[in-house]
Amino acid sequence: MSQQLPGILLFVSLAIVALALMVWGWRRRARRDAGIAAPTGPARGTRRASFGGLYVATTRHDQPLDRLNVRHLAFRSRVAIAVTDAGVALDMPGEPTVFLDAGRLDGAGRATWTIDRVVEADGLVLVAWTADDGTVCDTYIRLQDGDPDALVAEIERLRTDFASAAMGAEL
């Protein structure tokens, strides 16, 4: 046992250092991203479609390896997605509903990978949106209930309807 003690102490020390570095990194990321906020509030508008799945991550736009520590979107979770005629609602257990109104949506598409998650080709749905501070974010969702192409189509239809209504209001 006395011969194993230095090895055990070395392993425990390395584990403590690794955990401390992870906590330090996450806190540093939280400070870096403190100005980026996910808009919260109840879903508004008439429901067009509902989907269920897993919220995977939020990253900077077109930078799928740069995870953002955005309040209410920091950790993986189950998610219920509702597309309404006013926006997209992400409802996760223990968090307020994140509501991305149609004016914030910059696009939707399919993805195969993001930070620490690789799936079959086009297995993730990517929703691009703009935060209050102007940061464009990509939120990744892995659907379990429903067709990913249907979610992408609903979001794109919502964006088209919003753009048409905005142009009509300008005339």
Protein backbone atom coordinates (compact mmCIF):
# COMPACT_ATOMS: atom_id res chain seq x y z
CA MET A 1 0.00 0.00 0.00
CA SER A 2 2.82 2.42 0.84
CA GLN A 3 4.23 1.98 -2.70
CA GLN A 4 0.85 2.89 -4.22
CA LEU A 5 0.36 6.00 -2.10
CA PRO A 6 2.53 8.35 -4.24
CA GLY A 7 0.69 7.22 -7.40
CA ILE A 8 -2.70 7.75 -5.76
CA LEU A 9 -1.69 11.20 -4.48
CA LEU A 10 -0.39 12.16 -7.93
CA PHE A 11 -3.64 11.04 -9.59
CA VAL A 12 -5.80 12.90 -7.03
CA SER A 13 -3.66 16.03 -7.43
CA LEU A 14 -3.97 15.93 -11.21
CA ALA A 15 -7.74 15.43 -10.95
CA ILE A 16 -8.08 18.43 -8.63
CA VAL A 17 -5.97 20.60 -10.95
CA ALA A 18 -8.03 19.51 -13.98
CA LEU A 19 -11.32 20.30 -12.21
CA ALA A 20 -9.99 23.67 -11.04
CA LEU A 21 -8.96 24.55 -14.61
CA MET A 22 -12.41 23.59 -15.93
CA VAL A 23 -14.13 25.79 -13.32
CA TRP A 24 -11.73 28.65 -14.08
CA GLY A 25 -12.36 28.31 -17.84
CA TRP A 26 -16.15 28.24 -17.45
CA ARG A 27 -16.13 31.32 -15.19
CA ARG A 28 -13.86 33.15 -17.62
CA ARG A 29 -16.22 32.28 -20.49
CA ALA A 30 -19.18 33.50 -18.39
CA ARG A 31 -17.45 36.87 -17.87
CA ARG A 32 -16.59 37.10 -21.59
CA ASP A 33 -20.19 36.41 -22.62
CA ALA A 34 -21.93 38.39 -19.85
CA GLY A 35 -23.27 40.96 -22.32
CA ILE A 36 -25.02 38.37 -24.48
CA ALA A 37 -28.52 37.58 -23.27
CA ALA A 38 -31.16 35.20 -24.57
CA PRO A 39 -34.51 37.00 -24.76
CA THR A 40 -36.99 35.47 -22.33
CA GLY A 41 -40.72 35.75 -22.00
CA PRO A 42 -43.83 33.79 -22.80
CA ALA A 43 -44.44 32.57 -26.33
CA ARG A 44 -46.58 35.03 -28.27
CA GLY A 45 -48.74 34.48 -31.30
CA THR A 46 -50.65 31.55 -32.74
CA ARG A 47 -48.84 28.23 -32.64
CA ARG A 48 -47.87 26.91 -36.09
CA ALA A 49 -45.88 23.81 -35.10
CA SER A 50 -44.38 22.03 -32.08
CA PHE A 51 -41.31 19.83 -31.79
CA GLY A 52 -39.45 18.06 -29.01
CA GLY A 53 -35.78 17.35 -28.66
CA LEU A 54 -32.52 18.25 -27.00
CA TYR A 55 -30.96 21.69 -26.80
CA VAL A 56 -27.27 21.10 -27.62
CA ALA A 57 -25.36 24.40 -27.58
CA THR A 58 -25.21 28.03 -28.64
CA THR A 59 -22.14 29.33 -30.47
CA ARG A 60 -21.04 32.44 -32.29
CA HIS A 61 -22.47 32.56 -35.82
CA ASP A 62 -20.48 30.42 -38.25
CA GLN A 63 -18.08 29.42 -35.43
CA PRO A 64 -19.44 26.06 -34.26
CA LEU A 65 -16.49 25.46 -31.91
CA ASP A 66 -16.89 28.74 -29.96
CA ARG A 67 -19.50 27.91 -27.33
CA LEU A 68 -21.22 30.88 -25.74
CA ASN A 69 -22.16 30.89 -22.07
CA VAL A 70 -25.47 32.66 -22.62
CA ARG A 71 -27.75 32.85 -19.61
CA HIS A 72 -30.66 30.36 -20.00
CA LEU A 73 -28.80 28.65 -22.88
CA ALA A 74 -25.59 27.60 -21.12
CA PHE A 75 -26.24 23.88 -20.57
CA ARG A 76 -27.65 20.99 -22.56
CA SER A 77 -31.23 20.18 -21.79
CA ARG A 78 -34.44 18.71 -23.06
CA VAL A 79 -36.37 21.32 -25.04
CA ALA A 80 -39.87 21.84 -26.36
CA ILE A 81 -39.85 24.05 -29.46
CA ALA A 82 -42.90 26.01 -30.53
CA VAL A 83 -42.98 27.98 -33.76
CA THR A 84 -45.66 30.66 -33.63
CA ASP A 85 -46.60 33.38 -36.06
CA ALA A 86 -44.56 35.78 -33.88
CA GLY A 87 -41.36 33.76 -33.28
CA VAL A 88 -39.75 30.62 -31.90
CA ALA A 89 -40.07 29.56 -28.26
CA LEU A 90 -37.56 27.26 -26.57
CA ASP A 91 -38.95 25.85 -23.34
CA MET A 92 -36.41 24.01 -21.16
CA PRO A 93 -37.00 22.56 -17.69
CA GLY A 94 -35.90 24.89 -14.89
CA GLU A 95 -35.37 27.88 -17.18
CA PRO A 96 -37.65 30.68 -18.33
CA THR A 97 -38.93 30.33 -21.89
CA VAL A 98 -36.50 31.74 -24.43
CA PHE A 99 -38.56 33.53 -27.09
CA LEU A 100 -36.83 34.52 -30.31
CA ASP A 101 -39.23 36.90 -32.02
CA ALA A 102 -39.33 36.81 -35.81
CA GLY A 103 -37.30 40.02 -36.12
CA ARG A 104 -34.35 38.39 -34.35
CA LEU A 105 -34.23 35.31 -36.57
CA ASP A 106 -31.41 35.33 -39.11
CA GLY A 107 -32.00 31.89 -40.58
CA ALA A 108 -32.34 28.18 -40.00
CA GLY A 109 -30.63 25.19 -41.46
CA ARG A 110 -29.12 21.79 -40.82
CA ALA A 111 -25.75 20.93 -39.30
CA THR A 112 -23.76 17.79 -38.64
CA TRP A 113 -21.58 18.99 -35.77
CA THR A 114 -21.00 21.66 -33.16
CA ILE A 115 -18.90 21.91 -30.03
CA ASP A 116 -18.58 18.43 -28.46
CA ARG A 117 -21.42 16.95 -30.54
CA VAL A 118 -21.21 15.07 -33.85
CA VAL A 119 -24.26 13.33 -35.31
CA GLU A 120 -25.28 11.81 -38.62
CA ALA A 121 -25.24 14.10 -41.63
CA ASP A 122 -27.58 17.07 -41.05
CA GLY A 123 -28.79 15.62 -37.72
CA LEU A 124 -28.89 18.99 -35.96
CA VAL A 125 -31.13 22.00 -36.59
CA LEU A 126 -29.30 25.32 -36.51
CA VAL A 127 -31.28 28.45 -35.61
CA ALA A 128 -29.38 31.71 -36.19
CA TRP A 129 -30.58 34.73 -34.19
CA THR A 130 -29.35 38.14 -33.03
CA ALA A 131 -28.94 39.01 -29.35
CA ASP A 132 -29.72 42.47 -27.97
CA ASP A 133 -26.06 43.47 -28.11
CA GLY A 134 -25.89 42.62 -31.85
CA THR A 135 -24.06 39.30 -31.46
CA VAL A 136 -25.31 36.78 -34.00
CA CYS A 137 -25.68 33.38 -32.35
CA ASP A 138 -26.26 29.87 -33.68
CA THR A 139 -28.38 27.62 -31.48
CA TYR A 140 -28.24 23.89 -32.18
CA ILE A 141 -31.13 21.52 -31.49
CA ARG A 142 -31.31 17.75 -31.90
CA LEU A 143 -34.93 16.82 -32.62
CA GLN A 144 -36.39 13.65 -31.15
CA ASP A 145 -40.00 14.32 -32.04
CA GLY A 146 -40.68 15.60 -35.54
CA ASP A 147 -38.93 16.12 -38.82
CA PRO A 148 -35.92 18.49 -38.73
CA ASP A 149 -36.70 19.68 -42.26
CA ALA A 150 -40.20 20.64 -41.11
CA LEU A 151 -38.76 22.78 -38.29
CA VAL A 152 -36.35 24.50 -40.67
CA ALA A 153 -39.18 25.10 -43.17
CA GLU A 154 -41.46 26.58 -40.47
CA ILE A 155 -38.75 28.97 -39.29
CA GLU A 156 -37.93 30.04 -42.84
CA ARG A 157 -41.65 30.54 -43.58
CA LEU A 158 -41.93 32.64 -40.41
CA ARG A 159 -38.98 34.78 -41.54
CA THR A 160 -40.52 35.22 -45.00
CA ASP A 161 -43.90 36.19 -43.54
CA PHE A 162 -42.23 38.67 -41.17
CA ALA A 163 -40.19 40.24 -44.00
CA SER A 164 -43.33 40.53 -46.17
CA ALA A 165 -45.27 42.16 -43.34
CA ALA A 166 -42.40 44.57 -42.64
CA MET A 167 -42.22 45.58 -46.32
CA GLY A 168 -46.00 46.03 -46.43
CA ALA A 169 -45.84 48.27 -43.37
CA GLU A 170 -43.17 50.44 -45.03
CA LEU A 171 -45.35 51.04 -48.07
